[in-house]
């Protein structure tokens, strides 16, 4: 898919979207799906080609061709009572690994690790 439209393309004052092409392939896998415990892994590879600007950013992108590989592990153990709107107790953990690659002629790489923990307690 290349530059799929989204909500903000219709109802925002932006003058332009991303100039260039984005090609993405991804996969979701549930390691555990036993309510309320869910362990899900999401892996995605995105390749960007010929990027000039990203949204309304006035600064031109210096590297028009790059790739991003992302893998995220989400552990969700959240509970709520019947008829409630929001979560009432439990934990949500997210771990992400990102890899960036650019400049196909002389490859350059970078990486990033992130973690997030949200704990919900109700009294």
PDB file of N, CA and C in Angstrom:
ATOM      1  N   UNK A   1       0.841  -1.158   0.000  1.00  0.00           N
ATOM      2  CA  UNK A   1       0.000   0.000   0.000  1.00  0.00           C
ATOM      3  C   UNK A   1       0.896   1.234   0.000  1.00  0.00           C
ATOM      4  N   UNK A   2       0.553   2.202  -0.773  1.00  0.00           N
ATOM      5  CA  UNK A   2       1.344   3.416  -0.850  1.00  0.00           C
ATOM      6  C   UNK A   2       0.498   4.597  -0.393  1.00  0.00           C
ATOM      7  N   UNK A   3       0.945   5.258   0.668  1.00  0.00           N
ATOM      8  CA  UNK A   3       0.328   6.484   1.166  1.00  0.00           C
ATOM      9  C   UNK A   3      -1.192   6.395   1.267  1.00  0.00           C
ATOM     10  N   UNK A   4      -1.669   5.470   2.069  1.00  0.00           N
ATOM     11  CA  UNK A   4      -3.111   5.321   2.256  1.00  0.00           C
ATOM     12  C   UNK A   4      -3.686   6.585   2.890  1.00  0.00           C
ATOM     13  N   UNK A   5      -4.873   7.005   2.473  1.00  0.00           N
ATOM     14  CA  UNK A   5      -5.485   8.193   3.076  1.00  0.00           C
ATOM     15  C   UNK A   5      -5.917   7.884   4.502  1.00  0.00           C
ATOM     16  N   UNK A   6      -5.939   8.911   5.318  1.00  0.00           N
ATOM     17  CA  UNK A   6      -6.453   8.734   6.663  1.00  0.00           C
ATOM     18  C   UNK A   6      -7.372   9.897   7.012  1.00  0.00           C
ATOM     19  N   UNK A   7      -7.909   9.866   8.208  1.00  0.00           N
ATOM     20  CA  UNK A   7      -8.880  10.854   8.668  1.00  0.00           C
ATOM     21  C   UNK A   7      -8.373  12.281   8.512  1.00  0.00           C
ATOM     22  N   UNK A   8      -7.102  12.516   8.852  1.00  0.00           N
ATOM     23  CA  UNK A   8      -6.577  13.877   8.858  1.00  0.00           C
ATOM     24  C   UNK A   8      -6.353  14.434   7.455  1.00  0.00           C
ATOM     25  N   UNK A   9      -6.331  13.577   6.444  1.00  0.00           N
ATOM     26  CA  UNK A   9      -6.255  14.087   5.075  1.00  0.00           C
ATOM     27  C   UNK A   9      -7.550  14.798   4.700  1.00  0.00           C
ATOM     28  N   UNK A  10      -8.658  14.409   5.304  1.00  0.00           N
ATOM     29  CA  UNK A  10      -9.952  15.001   4.977  1.00  0.00           C
ATOM     30  C   UNK A  10     -10.311  16.191   5.851  1.00  0.00           C
ATOM     31  N   UNK A  11      -9.980  16.127   7.141  1.00  0.00           N
ATOM     32  CA  UNK A  11     -10.457  17.128   8.087  1.00  0.00           C
ATOM     33  C   UNK A  11      -9.326  17.854   8.802  1.00  0.00           C
ATOM     34  N   UNK A  12      -8.282  18.194   8.098  1.00  0.00           N
ATOM     35  CA  UNK A  12      -7.173  18.910   8.705  1.00  0.00           C
ATOM     36  C   UNK A  12      -6.769  20.043   7.769  1.00  0.00           C
ATOM     37  N   UNK A  13      -6.058  21.003   8.295  1.00  0.00           N
ATOM     38  CA  UNK A  13      -5.648  22.141   7.484  1.00  0.00           C
ATOM     39  C   UNK A  13      -4.309  21.899   6.805  1.00  0.00           C
ATOM     40  N   UNK A  14      -3.816  20.663   6.841  1.00  0.00           N
ATOM     41  CA  UNK A  14      -2.532  20.383   6.195  1.00  0.00           C
ATOM     42  C   UNK A  14      -2.619  20.675   4.706  1.00  0.00           C
ATOM     43  N   UNK A  15      -1.537  21.169   4.177  1.00  0.00           N
ATOM     44  CA  UNK A  15      -1.483  21.468   2.750  1.00  0.00           C
ATOM     45  C   UNK A  15      -1.119  20.231   1.934  1.00  0.00           C
ATOM     46  N   UNK A  16      -0.326  19.328   2.531  1.00  0.00           N
ATOM     47  CA  UNK A  16       0.097  18.141   1.804  1.00  0.00           C
ATOM     48  C   UNK A  16       0.355  17.003   2.773  1.00  0.00           C
ATOM     49  N   UNK A  17       0.341  15.802   2.245  1.00  0.00           N
ATOM     50  CA  UNK A  17       0.700  14.621   3.019  1.00  0.00           C
ATOM     51  C   UNK A  17       2.161  14.309   2.778  1.00  0.00           C
ATOM     52  N   UNK A  18       2.554  13.086   3.008  1.00  0.00           N
ATOM     53  CA  UNK A  18       3.941  12.680   2.789  1.00  0.00           C
ATOM     54  C   UNK A  18       4.197  12.588   1.290  1.00  0.00           C
ATOM     55  N   UNK A  19       5.251  13.224   0.825  1.00  0.00           N
ATOM     56  CA  UNK A  19       5.620  13.152  -0.584  1.00  0.00           C
ATOM     57  C   UNK A  19       6.629  12.024  -0.760  1.00  0.00           C
ATOM     58  N   UNK A  20       6.266  11.003  -1.511  1.00  0.00           N
ATOM     59  CA  UNK A  20       7.115   9.842  -1.711  1.00  0.00           C
ATOM     60  C   UNK A  20       6.295   8.577  -1.533  1.00  0.00           C
ATOM     61  N   UNK A  21       6.958   7.431  -1.522  1.00  0.00           N
ATOM     62  CA  UNK A  21       6.248   6.165  -1.410  1.00  0.00           C
ATOM     63  C   UNK A  21       6.620   5.402  -0.153  1.00  0.00           C
ATOM     64  N   UNK A  22       5.628   4.727   0.418  1.00  0.00           N
ATOM     65  CA  UNK A  22       5.835   3.877   1.590  1.00  0.00           C
ATOM     66  C   UNK A  22       5.241   2.514   1.286  1.00  0.00           C
ATOM     67  N   UNK A  23       6.042   1.468   1.454  1.00  0.00           N
ATOM     68  CA  UNK A  23       5.618   0.100   1.201  1.00  0.00           C
ATOM     69  C   UNK A  23       5.823  -0.693   2.482  1.00  0.00           C
ATOM     70  N   UNK A  24       4.763  -1.338   2.968  1.00  0.00           N
ATOM     71  CA  UNK A  24       4.802  -1.978   4.276  1.00  0.00           C
ATOM     72  C   UNK A  24       4.292  -3.409   4.199  1.00  0.00           C
ATOM     73  N   UNK A  25       4.961  -4.271   4.955  1.00  0.00           N
ATOM     74  CA  UNK A  25       4.488  -5.631   5.148  1.00  0.00           C
ATOM     75  C   UNK A  25       4.609  -5.922   6.638  1.00  0.00           C
ATOM     76  N   UNK A  26       3.606  -6.597   7.195  1.00  0.00           N
ATOM     77  CA  UNK A  26       3.622  -6.851   8.624  1.00  0.00           C
ATOM     78  C   UNK A  26       2.890  -8.124   8.975  1.00  0.00           C
ATOM     79  N   UNK A  27       3.044  -8.526  10.236  1.00  0.00           N
ATOM     80  CA  UNK A  27       2.424  -9.759  10.717  1.00  0.00           C
ATOM     81  C   UNK A  27       2.117  -9.618  12.202  1.00  0.00           C
ATOM     82  N   UNK A  28       0.905 -10.030  12.604  1.00  0.00           N
ATOM     83  CA  UNK A  28       0.510 -10.070  14.009  1.00  0.00           C
ATOM     84  C   UNK A  28       0.394 -11.522  14.439  1.00  0.00           C
ATOM     85  N   UNK A  29       0.909 -11.827  15.635  1.00  0.00           N
ATOM     86  CA  UNK A  29       0.828 -13.189  16.153  1.00  0.00           C
ATOM     87  C   UNK A  29       0.486 -13.137  17.638  1.00  0.00           C
ATOM     88  N   UNK A  30      -0.559 -13.880  18.022  1.00  0.00           N
ATOM     89  CA  UNK A  30      -0.916 -13.994  19.432  1.00  0.00           C
ATOM     90  C   UNK A  30      -0.218 -15.218  20.003  1.00  0.00           C
ATOM     91  N   UNK A  31       0.693 -15.003  20.954  1.00  0.00           N
ATOM     92  CA  UNK A  31       1.365 -16.101  21.633  1.00  0.00           C
ATOM     93  C   UNK A  31       0.424 -16.717  22.654  1.00  0.00           C
ATOM     94  N   UNK A  32      -0.339 -15.869  23.352  1.00  0.00           N
ATOM     95  CA  UNK A  32      -1.348 -16.330  24.308  1.00  0.00           C
ATOM     96  C   UNK A  32      -2.603 -15.489  24.093  1.00  0.00           C
ATOM     97  N   UNK A  33      -3.743 -16.152  23.943  1.00  0.00           N
ATOM     98  CA  UNK A  33      -5.024 -15.457  23.835  1.00  0.00           C
ATOM     99  C   UNK A  33      -5.994 -16.165  24.768  1.00  0.00           C
ATOM    100  N   UNK A  34      -5.874 -15.863  26.050  1.00  0.00           N
ATOM    101  CA  UNK A  34      -6.670 -16.493  27.087  1.00  0.00           C
ATOM    102  C   UNK A  34      -7.176 -15.383  27.996  1.00  0.00           C
ATOM    103  N   UNK A  35      -8.370 -14.847  27.689  1.00  0.00           N
ATOM    104  CA  UNK A  35      -8.881 -13.687  28.417  1.00  0.00           C
ATOM    105  C   UNK A  35      -8.783 -13.886  29.908  1.00  0.00           C
ATOM    106  N   UNK A  36      -8.323 -12.904  30.658  1.00  0.00           N
ATOM    107  CA  UNK A  36      -7.953 -11.557  30.235  1.00  0.00           C
ATOM    108  C   UNK A  36      -6.492 -11.421  29.791  1.00  0.00           C
ATOM    109  N   UNK A  37      -5.720 -12.496  29.846  1.00  0.00           N
ATOM    110  CA  UNK A  37      -4.303 -12.402  29.473  1.00  0.00           C
ATOM    111  C   UNK A  37      -4.138 -12.584  27.964  1.00  0.00           C
ATOM    112  N   UNK A  38      -3.478 -11.608  27.343  1.00  0.00           N
ATOM    113  CA  UNK A  38      -3.163 -11.679  25.911  1.00  0.00           C
ATOM    114  C   UNK A  38      -1.711 -11.271  25.717  1.00  0.00           C
ATOM    115  N   UNK A  39      -0.976 -12.077  24.968  1.00  0.00           N
ATOM    116  CA  UNK A  39       0.405 -11.758  24.619  1.00  0.00           C
ATOM    117  C   UNK A  39       0.472 -11.728  23.098  1.00  0.00           C
ATOM    118  N   UNK A  40       0.749 -10.556  22.548  1.00  0.00           N
ATOM    119  CA  UNK A  40       0.710 -10.355  21.098  1.00  0.00           C
ATOM    120  C   UNK A  40       2.028  -9.780  20.609  1.00  0.00           C
ATOM    121  N   UNK A  41       2.488 -10.270  19.478  1.00  0.00           N
ATOM    122  CA  UNK A  41       3.682  -9.720  18.836  1.00  0.00           C
ATOM    123  C   UNK A  41       3.284  -9.157  17.479  1.00  0.00           C
ATOM    124  N   UNK A  42       3.733  -7.949  17.210  1.00  0.00           N
ATOM    125  CA  UNK A  42       3.465  -7.266  15.954  1.00  0.00           C
ATOM    126  C   UNK A  42       4.817  -6.935  15.317  1.00  0.00           C
ATOM    127  N   UNK A  43       5.055  -7.429  14.109  1.00  0.00           N
ATOM    128  CA  UNK A  43       6.300  -7.158  13.398  1.00  0.00           C
ATOM    129  C   UNK A  43       5.960  -6.502  12.062  1.00  0.00           C
ATOM    130  N   UNK A  44       6.724  -5.470  11.707  1.00  0.00           N
ATOM    131  CA  UNK A  44       6.431  -4.705  10.489  1.00  0.00           C
ATOM    132  C   UNK A  44       7.719  -4.195   9.853  1.00  0.00           C
ATOM    133  N   UNK A  45       7.797  -4.309   8.546  1.00  0.00           N
ATOM    134  CA  UNK A  45       8.904  -3.757   7.771  1.00  0.00           C
ATOM    135  C   UNK A  45       8.334  -2.720   6.821  1.00  0.00           C
ATOM    136  N   UNK A  46       8.843  -1.490   6.908  1.00  0.00           N
ATOM    137  CA  UNK A  46       8.407  -0.402   6.028  1.00  0.00           C
ATOM    138  C   UNK A  46       9.606   0.103   5.236  1.00  0.00           C
ATOM    139  N   UNK A  47       9.405   0.257   3.939  1.00  0.00           N
ATOM    140  CA  UNK A  47      10.442   0.797   3.065  1.00  0.00           C
ATOM    141  C   UNK A  47       9.921   2.105   2.473  1.00  0.00           C
ATOM    142  N   UNK A  48      10.698   3.144   2.628  1.00  0.00           N
ATOM    143  CA  UNK A  48      10.335   4.464   2.128  1.00  0.00           C
ATOM    144  C   UNK A  48      11.231   4.789   0.938  1.00  0.00           C
ATOM    145  N   UNK A  49      10.613   5.212  -0.164  1.00  0.00           N
ATOM    146  CA  UNK A  49      11.367   5.517  -1.376  1.00  0.00           C
ATOM    147  C   UNK A  49      10.995   6.913  -1.881  1.00  0.00           C
ATOM    148  N   UNK A  50      11.986   7.699  -2.213  1.00  0.00           N
ATOM    149  CA  UNK A  50      11.766   9.017  -2.815  1.00  0.00           C
ATOM    150  C   UNK A  50      11.051  10.011  -1.922  1.00  0.00           C
ATOM    151  N   UNK A  51      11.313   9.966  -0.629  1.00  0.00           N
ATOM    152  CA  UNK A  51      10.655  10.887   0.305  1.00  0.00           C
ATOM    153  C   UNK A  51      11.285  12.270   0.170  1.00  0.00           C
ATOM    154  N   UNK A  52      10.436  13.275  -0.017  1.00  0.00           N
ATOM    155  CA  UNK A  52      10.916  14.656  -0.108  1.00  0.00           C
ATOM    156  C   UNK A  52      10.556  15.417   1.169  1.00  0.00           C
ATOM    157  N   UNK A  53       9.297  15.337   1.577  1.00  0.00           N
ATOM    158  CA  UNK A  53       8.810  15.995   2.786  1.00  0.00           C
ATOM    159  C   UNK A  53       7.928  15.007   3.537  1.00  0.00           C
ATOM    160  N   UNK A  54       7.863  15.151   4.849  1.00  0.00           N
ATOM    161  CA  UNK A  54       6.938  14.357   5.645  1.00  0.00           C
ATOM    162  C   UNK A  54       5.894  15.313   6.188  1.00  0.00           C
ATOM    163  N   UNK A  55       4.670  15.155   5.702  1.00  0.00           N
ATOM    164  CA  UNK A  55       3.526  16.004   6.037  1.00  0.00           C
ATOM    165  C   UNK A  55       3.843  17.462   5.755  1.00  0.00           C
ATOM    166  N   UNK A  56       3.529  18.370   6.673  1.00  0.00           N
ATOM    167  CA  UNK A  56       3.739  19.793   6.424  1.00  0.00           C
ATOM    168  C   UNK A  56       5.099  20.289   6.878  1.00  0.00           C
ATOM    169  N   UNK A  57       6.022  19.390   7.159  1.00  0.00           N
ATOM    170  CA  UNK A  57       7.361  19.802   7.572  1.00  0.00           C
ATOM    171  C   UNK A  57       8.021  20.545   6.405  1.00  0.00           C
ATOM    172  N   UNK A  58       8.510  21.743   6.652  1.00  0.00           N
ATOM    173  CA  UNK A  58       9.088  22.553   5.590  1.00  0.00           C
ATOM    174  C   UNK A  58      10.530  22.188   5.283  1.00  0.00           C
ATOM    175  N   UNK A  59      11.160  21.406   6.170  1.00  0.00           N
ATOM    176  CA  UNK A  59      12.540  20.995   5.953  1.00  0.00           C
ATOM    177  C   UNK A  59      12.557  19.741   5.088  1.00  0.00           C
ATOM    178  N   UNK A  60      13.303  19.804   4.000  1.00  0.00           N
ATOM    179  CA  UNK A  60      13.362  18.662   3.088  1.00  0.00           C
ATOM    180  C   UNK A  60      14.155  17.520   3.731  1.00  0.00           C
ATOM    181  N   UNK A  61      13.691  16.297   3.510  1.00  0.00           N
ATOM    182  CA  UNK A  61      14.363  15.113   4.043  1.00  0.00           C
ATOM    183  C   UNK A  61      15.677  14.921   3.289  1.00  0.00           C
ATOM    184  N   UNK A  62      16.787  14.735   4.024  1.00  0.00           N
ATOM    185  CA  UNK A  62      18.102  14.614   3.380  1.00  0.00           C
ATOM    186  C   UNK A  62      18.338  13.228   2.807  1.00  0.00           C
ATOM    187  N   UNK A  63      17.731  12.197   3.397  1.00  0.00           N
ATOM    188  CA  UNK A  63      17.899  10.826   2.910  1.00  0.00           C
ATOM    189  C   UNK A  63      16.543  10.325   2.408  1.00  0.00           C
ATOM    190  N   UNK A  64      16.320  10.312   1.085  1.00  0.00           N
ATOM    191  CA  UNK A  64      14.997   9.989   0.559  1.00  0.00           C
ATOM    192  C   UNK A  64      14.636   8.503   0.602  1.00  0.00           C
ATOM    193  N   UNK A  65      15.621   7.615   0.741  1.00  0.00           N
ATOM    194  CA  UNK A  65      15.365   6.175   0.756  1.00  0.00           C
ATOM    195  C   UNK A  65      15.840   5.588   2.081  1.00  0.00           C
ATOM    196  N   UNK A  66      14.912   4.988   2.837  1.00  0.00           N
ATOM    197  CA  UNK A  66      15.275   4.370   4.111  1.00  0.00           C
ATOM    198  C   UNK A  66      14.273   3.279   4.452  1.00  0.00           C
ATOM    199  N   UNK A  67      14.617   2.461   5.443  1.00  0.00           N
ATOM    200  CA  UNK A  67      13.756   1.363   5.872  1.00  0.00           C
ATOM    201  C   UNK A  67      13.674   1.344   7.394  1.00  0.00           C
ATOM    202  N   UNK A  68      12.531   0.872   7.901  1.00  0.00           N
ATOM    203  CA  UNK A  68      12.314   0.740   9.339  1.00  0.00           C
ATOM    204  C   UNK A  68      11.760  -0.654   9.610  1.00  0.00           C
ATOM    205  N   UNK A  69      12.415  -1.378  10.518  1.00  0.00           N
ATOM    206  CA  UNK A  69      11.945  -2.684  10.971  1.00  0.00           C
ATOM    207  C   UNK A  69      11.553  -2.548  12.427  1.00  0.00           C
ATOM    208  N   UNK A  70      10.287  -2.907  12.737  1.00  0.00           N
ATOM    209  CA  UNK A  70       9.769  -2.735  14.088  1.00  0.00           C
ATOM    210  C   UNK A  70       9.170  -4.048  14.566  1.00  0.00           C
ATOM    211  N   UNK A  71       9.464  -4.423  15.805  1.00  0.00           N
ATOM    212  CA  UNK A  71       8.827  -5.569  16.432  1.00  0.00           C
ATOM    213  C   UNK A  71       8.392  -5.156  17.832  1.00  0.00           C
ATOM    214  N   UNK A  72       7.120  -5.387  18.134  1.00  0.00           N
ATOM    215  CA  UNK A  72       6.568  -4.958  19.414  1.00  0.00           C
ATOM    216  C   UNK A  72       5.901  -6.144  20.092  1.00  0.00           C
ATOM    217  N   UNK A  73       6.203  -6.346  21.358  1.00  0.00           N
ATOM    218  CA  UNK A  73       5.585  -7.383  22.173  1.00  0.00           C
ATOM    219  C   UNK A  73       4.695  -6.697  23.198  1.00  0.00           C
ATOM    220  N   UNK A  74       3.405  -7.048  23.199  1.00  0.00           N
ATOM    221  CA  UNK A  74       2.445  -6.433  24.112  1.00  0.00           C
ATOM    222  C   UNK A  74       1.856  -7.510  25.010  1.00  0.00           C
ATOM    223  N   UNK A  75       1.991  -7.319  26.322  1.00  0.00           N
ATOM    224  CA  UNK A  75       1.430  -8.232  27.313  1.00  0.00           C
ATOM    225  C   UNK A  75       0.315  -7.476  28.026  1.00  0.00           C
ATOM    226  N   UNK A  76      -0.902  -7.962  27.866  1.00  0.00           N
ATOM    227  CA  UNK A  76      -2.081  -7.262  28.370  1.00  0.00           C
ATOM    228  C   UNK A  76      -2.840  -8.183  29.321  1.00  0.00           C
ATOM    229  N   UNK A  77      -3.003  -7.736  30.557  1.00  0.00           N
ATOM    230  CA  UNK A  77      -3.771  -8.479  31.559  1.00  0.00           C
ATOM    231  C   UNK A  77      -4.680  -7.472  32.251  1.00  0.00           C
ATOM    232  N   UNK A  78      -5.725  -7.053  31.555  1.00  0.00           N
ATOM    233  CA  UNK A  78      -6.620  -6.000  32.023  1.00  0.00           C
ATOM    234  C   UNK A  78      -8.008  -6.571  32.283  1.00  0.00           C
ATOM    235  N   UNK A  79      -8.660  -6.040  33.306  1.00  0.00           N
ATOM    236  CA  UNK A  79      -9.985  -6.524  33.683  1.00  0.00           C
ATOM    237  C   UNK A  79     -10.966  -5.356  33.820  1.00  0.00           C
ATOM    238  N   UNK A  80     -12.248  -5.667  33.505  1.00  0.00           N
ATOM    239  CA  UNK A  80     -13.320  -4.715  33.743  1.00  0.00           C
ATOM    240  C   UNK A  80     -14.607  -5.497  34.004  1.00  0.00           C
ATOM    241  N   UNK A  81     -15.542  -4.874  34.689  1.00  0.00           N
ATOM    242  CA  UNK A  81     -16.804  -5.531  34.988  1.00  0.00           C
ATOM    243  C   UNK A  81     -17.747  -5.414  33.798  1.00  0.00           C
ATOM    244  N   UNK A  82     -18.730  -6.270  33.761  1.00  0.00           N
ATOM    245  CA  UNK A  82     -19.705  -6.265  32.668  1.00  0.00           C
ATOM    246  C   UNK A  82     -20.415  -4.920  32.642  1.00  0.00           C
ATOM    247  N   UNK A  83     -20.491  -4.317  31.482  1.00  0.00           N
ATOM    248  CA  UNK A  83     -21.165  -3.042  31.307  1.00  0.00           C
ATOM    249  C   UNK A  83     -20.289  -1.831  31.537  1.00  0.00           C
ATOM    250  N   UNK A  84     -19.058  -2.030  31.981  1.00  0.00           N
ATOM    251  CA  UNK A  84     -18.190  -0.873  32.205  1.00  0.00           C
ATOM    252  C   UNK A  84     -17.581  -0.411  30.885  1.00  0.00           C
ATOM    253  N   UNK A  85     -17.117   0.809  30.874  1.00  0.00           N
ATOM    254  CA  UNK A  85     -16.563   1.399  29.668  1.00  0.00           C
ATOM    255  C   UNK A  85     -15.055   1.275  29.632  1.00  0.00           C
ATOM    256  N   UNK A  86     -14.411   1.464  30.760  1.00  0.00           N
ATOM    257  CA  UNK A  86     -12.948   1.510  30.794  1.00  0.00           C
ATOM    258  C   UNK A  86     -12.397   0.381  31.661  1.00  0.00           C
ATOM    259  N   UNK A  87     -11.102   0.134  31.506  1.00  0.00           N
ATOM    260  CA  UNK A  87     -10.434  -0.893  32.304  1.00  0.00           C
ATOM    261  C   UNK A  87     -10.420  -0.472  33.760  1.00  0.00           C
ATOM    262  N   UNK A  88     -10.590  -1.453  34.680  1.00  0.00           N
ATOM    263  CA  UNK A  88     -10.647  -1.151  36.102  1.00  0.00           C
ATOM    264  C   UNK A  88      -9.422  -1.633  36.859  1.00  0.00           C
ATOM    265  N   UNK A  89      -8.760  -2.677  36.374  1.00  0.00           N
ATOM    266  CA  UNK A  89      -7.546  -3.151  37.039  1.00  0.00           C
ATOM    267  C   UNK A  89      -6.720  -3.967  36.057  1.00  0.00           C
ATOM    268  N   UNK A  90      -5.442  -4.095  36.375  1.00  0.00           N
ATOM    269  CA  UNK A  90      -4.579  -4.918  35.549  1.00  0.00           C
ATOM    270  C   UNK A  90      -3.316  -4.200  35.130  1.00  0.00           C
ATOM    271  N   UNK A  91      -2.574  -4.869  34.266  1.00  0.00           N
ATOM    272  CA  UNK A  91      -1.292  -4.349  33.793  1.00  0.00           C
ATOM    273  C   UNK A  91      -1.218  -4.435  32.271  1.00  0.00           C
ATOM    274  N   UNK A  92      -0.468  -3.491  31.701  1.00  0.00           N
ATOM    275  CA  UNK A  92      -0.184  -3.478  30.271  1.00  0.00           C
ATOM    276  C   UNK A  92       1.308  -3.209  30.118  1.00  0.00           C
ATOM    277  N   UNK A  93       2.009  -4.132  29.487  1.00  0.00           N
ATOM    278  CA  UNK A  93       3.439  -3.978  29.242  1.00  0.00           C
ATOM    279  C   UNK A  93       3.690  -4.005  27.745  1.00  0.00           C
ATOM    280  N   UNK A  94       4.547  -3.112  27.273  1.00  0.00           N
ATOM    281  CA  UNK A  94       4.932  -3.071  25.860  1.00  0.00           C
ATOM    282  C   UNK A  94       6.442  -2.972  25.759  1.00  0.00           C
ATOM    283  N   UNK A  95       7.005  -3.806  24.913  1.00  0.00           N
ATOM    284  CA  UNK A  95       8.432  -3.760  24.621  1.00  0.00           C
ATOM    285  C   UNK A  95       8.583  -3.629  23.116  1.00  0.00           C
ATOM    286  N   UNK A  96       9.380  -2.669  22.681  1.00  0.00           N
ATOM    287  CA  UNK A  96       9.563  -2.420  21.248  1.00  0.00           C
ATOM    288  C   UNK A  96      11.039  -2.411  20.884  1.00  0.00           C
ATOM    289  N   UNK A  97      11.329  -2.978  19.730  1.00  0.00           N
ATOM    290  CA  UNK A  97      12.669  -2.943  19.150  1.00  0.00           C
ATOM    291  C   UNK A  97      12.503  -2.356  17.750  1.00  0.00           C
ATOM    292  N   UNK A  98      13.250  -1.296  17.456  1.00  0.00           N
ATOM    293  CA  UNK A  98      13.192  -0.664  16.149  1.00  0.00           C
ATOM    294  C   UNK A  98      14.574  -0.632  15.539  1.00  0.00           C
ATOM    295  N   UNK A  99      14.643  -0.866  14.254  1.00  0.00           N
ATOM    296  CA  UNK A  99      15.889  -0.769  13.512  1.00  0.00           C
ATOM    297  C   UNK A  99      15.685   0.126  12.306  1.00  0.00           C
ATOM    298  N   UNK A 100      16.597   1.041  12.111  1.00  0.00           N
ATOM    299  CA  UNK A 100      16.530   1.982  11.000  1.00  0.00           C
ATOM    300  C   UNK A 100      17.715   1.741  10.080  1.00  0.00           C
ATOM    301  N   UNK A 101      17.475   1.770   8.804  1.00  0.00           N
ATOM    302  CA  UNK A 101      18.550   1.652   7.827  1.00  0.00           C
ATOM    303  C   UNK A 101      18.351   2.683   6.742  1.00  0.00           C
ATOM    304  N   UNK A 102      19.444   3.299   6.296  1.00  0.00           N
ATOM    305  CA  UNK A 102      19.330   4.313   5.241  1.00  0.00           C
ATOM    306  C   UNK A 102      20.530   4.240   4.326  1.00  0.00           C
ATOM    307  N   UNK A 103      20.462   5.022   3.260  1.00  0.00           N
ATOM    308  CA  UNK A 103      21.546   5.162   2.299  1.00  0.00           C
ATOM    309  C   UNK A 103      21.955   3.807   1.701  1.00  0.00           C
ATOM    310  N   UNK A 104      21.195   3.307   0.732  1.00  0.00           N
ATOM    311  CA  UNK A 104      21.484   1.999   0.139  1.00  0.00           C
ATOM    312  C   UNK A 104      22.894   1.891  -0.463  1.00  0.00           C
ATOM    313  N   UNK A 105      23.486   2.999  -0.885  1.00  0.00           N
ATOM    314  CA  UNK A 105      24.830   2.954  -1.484  1.00  0.00           C
ATOM    315  C   UNK A 105      25.913   2.695  -0.438  1.00  0.00           C
ATOM    316  N   UNK A 106      25.810   3.348   0.717  1.00  0.00           N
ATOM    317  CA  UNK A 106      26.734   3.140   1.833  1.00  0.00           C
ATOM    318  C   UNK A 106      25.878   2.975   3.092  1.00  0.00           C
ATOM    319  N   UNK A 107      25.392   1.758   3.367  1.00  0.00           N
ATOM    320  CA  UNK A 107      24.393   1.549   4.426  1.00  0.00           C
ATOM    321  C   UNK A 107      24.810   2.084   5.795  1.00  0.00           C
ATOM    322  N   UNK A 108      23.838   2.689   6.453  1.00  0.00           N
ATOM    323  CA  UNK A 108      24.003   3.186   7.819  1.00  0.00           C
ATOM    324  C   UNK A 108      22.819   2.656   8.626  1.00  0.00           C
ATOM    325  N   UNK A 109      23.092   2.212   9.864  1.00  0.00           N
ATOM    326  CA  UNK A 109      22.059   1.602  10.675  1.00  0.00           C
ATOM    327  C   UNK A 109      21.985   2.251  12.045  1.00  0.00           C
ATOM    328  N   UNK A 110      20.809   2.155  12.632  1.00  0.00           N
ATOM    329  CA  UNK A 110      20.584   2.670  13.976  1.00  0.00           C
ATOM    330  C   UNK A 110      19.503   1.805  14.618  1.00  0.00           C
ATOM    331  N   UNK A 111      19.463   1.772  15.941  1.00  0.00           N
ATOM    332  CA  UNK A 111      18.466   0.967  16.632  1.00  0.00           C
ATOM    333  C   UNK A 111      17.914   1.683  17.842  1.00  0.00           C
ATOM    334  N   UNK A 112      16.820   1.144  18.339  1.00  0.00           N
ATOM    335  CA  UNK A 112      16.164   1.761  19.481  1.00  0.00           C
ATOM    336  C   UNK A 112      15.413   0.684  20.266  1.00  0.00           C
ATOM    337  N   UNK A 113      15.490   0.729  21.589  1.00  0.00           N
ATOM    338  CA  UNK A 113      14.736  -0.148  22.480  1.00  0.00           C
ATOM    339  C   UNK A 113      13.824   0.708  23.341  1.00  0.00           C
ATOM    340  N   UNK A 114      12.583   0.270  23.502  1.00  0.00           N
ATOM    341  CA  UNK A 114      11.645   1.025  24.331  1.00  0.00           C
ATOM    342  C   UNK A 114      10.834   0.054  25.176  1.00  0.00           C
ATOM    343  N   UNK A 115      10.438   0.496  26.348  1.00  0.00           N
ATOM    344  CA  UNK A 115       9.580  -0.278  27.215  1.00  0.00           C
ATOM    345  C   UNK A 115       8.565   0.627  27.885  1.00  0.00           C
ATOM    346  N   UNK A 116       7.391   0.078  28.131  1.00  0.00           N
ATOM    347  CA  UNK A 116       6.320   0.860  28.750  1.00  0.00           C
ATOM    348  C   UNK A 116       5.524  -0.066  29.665  1.00  0.00           C
ATOM    349  N   UNK A 117       5.179   0.417  30.848  1.00  0.00           N
ATOM    350  CA  UNK A 117       4.379  -0.352  31.782  1.00  0.00           C
ATOM    351  C   UNK A 117       3.283   0.547  32.327  1.00  0.00           C
ATOM    352  N   UNK A 118       2.050   0.098  32.222  1.00  0.00           N
ATOM    353  CA  UNK A 118       0.898   0.825  32.754  1.00  0.00           C
ATOM    354  C   UNK A 118       0.195  -0.109  33.718  1.00  0.00           C
ATOM    355  N   UNK A 119      -0.004   0.340  34.931  1.00  0.00           N
ATOM    356  CA  UNK A 119      -0.693  -0.453  35.941  1.00  0.00           C
ATOM    357  C   UNK A 119      -1.946   0.300  36.354  1.00  0.00           C
ATOM    358  N   UNK A 120      -3.086  -0.377  36.335  1.00  0.00           N
ATOM    359  CA  UNK A 120      -4.358   0.250  36.660  1.00  0.00           C
ATOM    360  C   UNK A 120      -4.869  -0.359  37.961  1.00  0.00           C
ATOM    361  N   UNK A 121      -5.152   0.501  38.911  1.00  0.00           N
ATOM    362  CA  UNK A 121      -5.687   0.078  40.199  1.00  0.00           C
ATOM    363  C   UNK A 121      -6.988   0.835  40.450  1.00  0.00           C
ATOM    364  N   UNK A 122      -7.997   0.137  40.897  1.00  0.00           N
ATOM    365  CA  UNK A 122      -9.238   0.831  41.261  1.00  0.00           C
ATOM    366  C   UNK A 122      -9.580   0.483  42.699  1.00  0.00           C
ATOM    367  N   UNK A 123     -10.165   1.418  43.392  1.00  0.00           N
ATOM    368  CA  UNK A 123     -10.488   1.236  44.796  1.00  0.00           C
ATOM    369  C   UNK A 123     -11.972   1.236  44.994  1.00  0.00           C
TER     370      UNK A 123
END
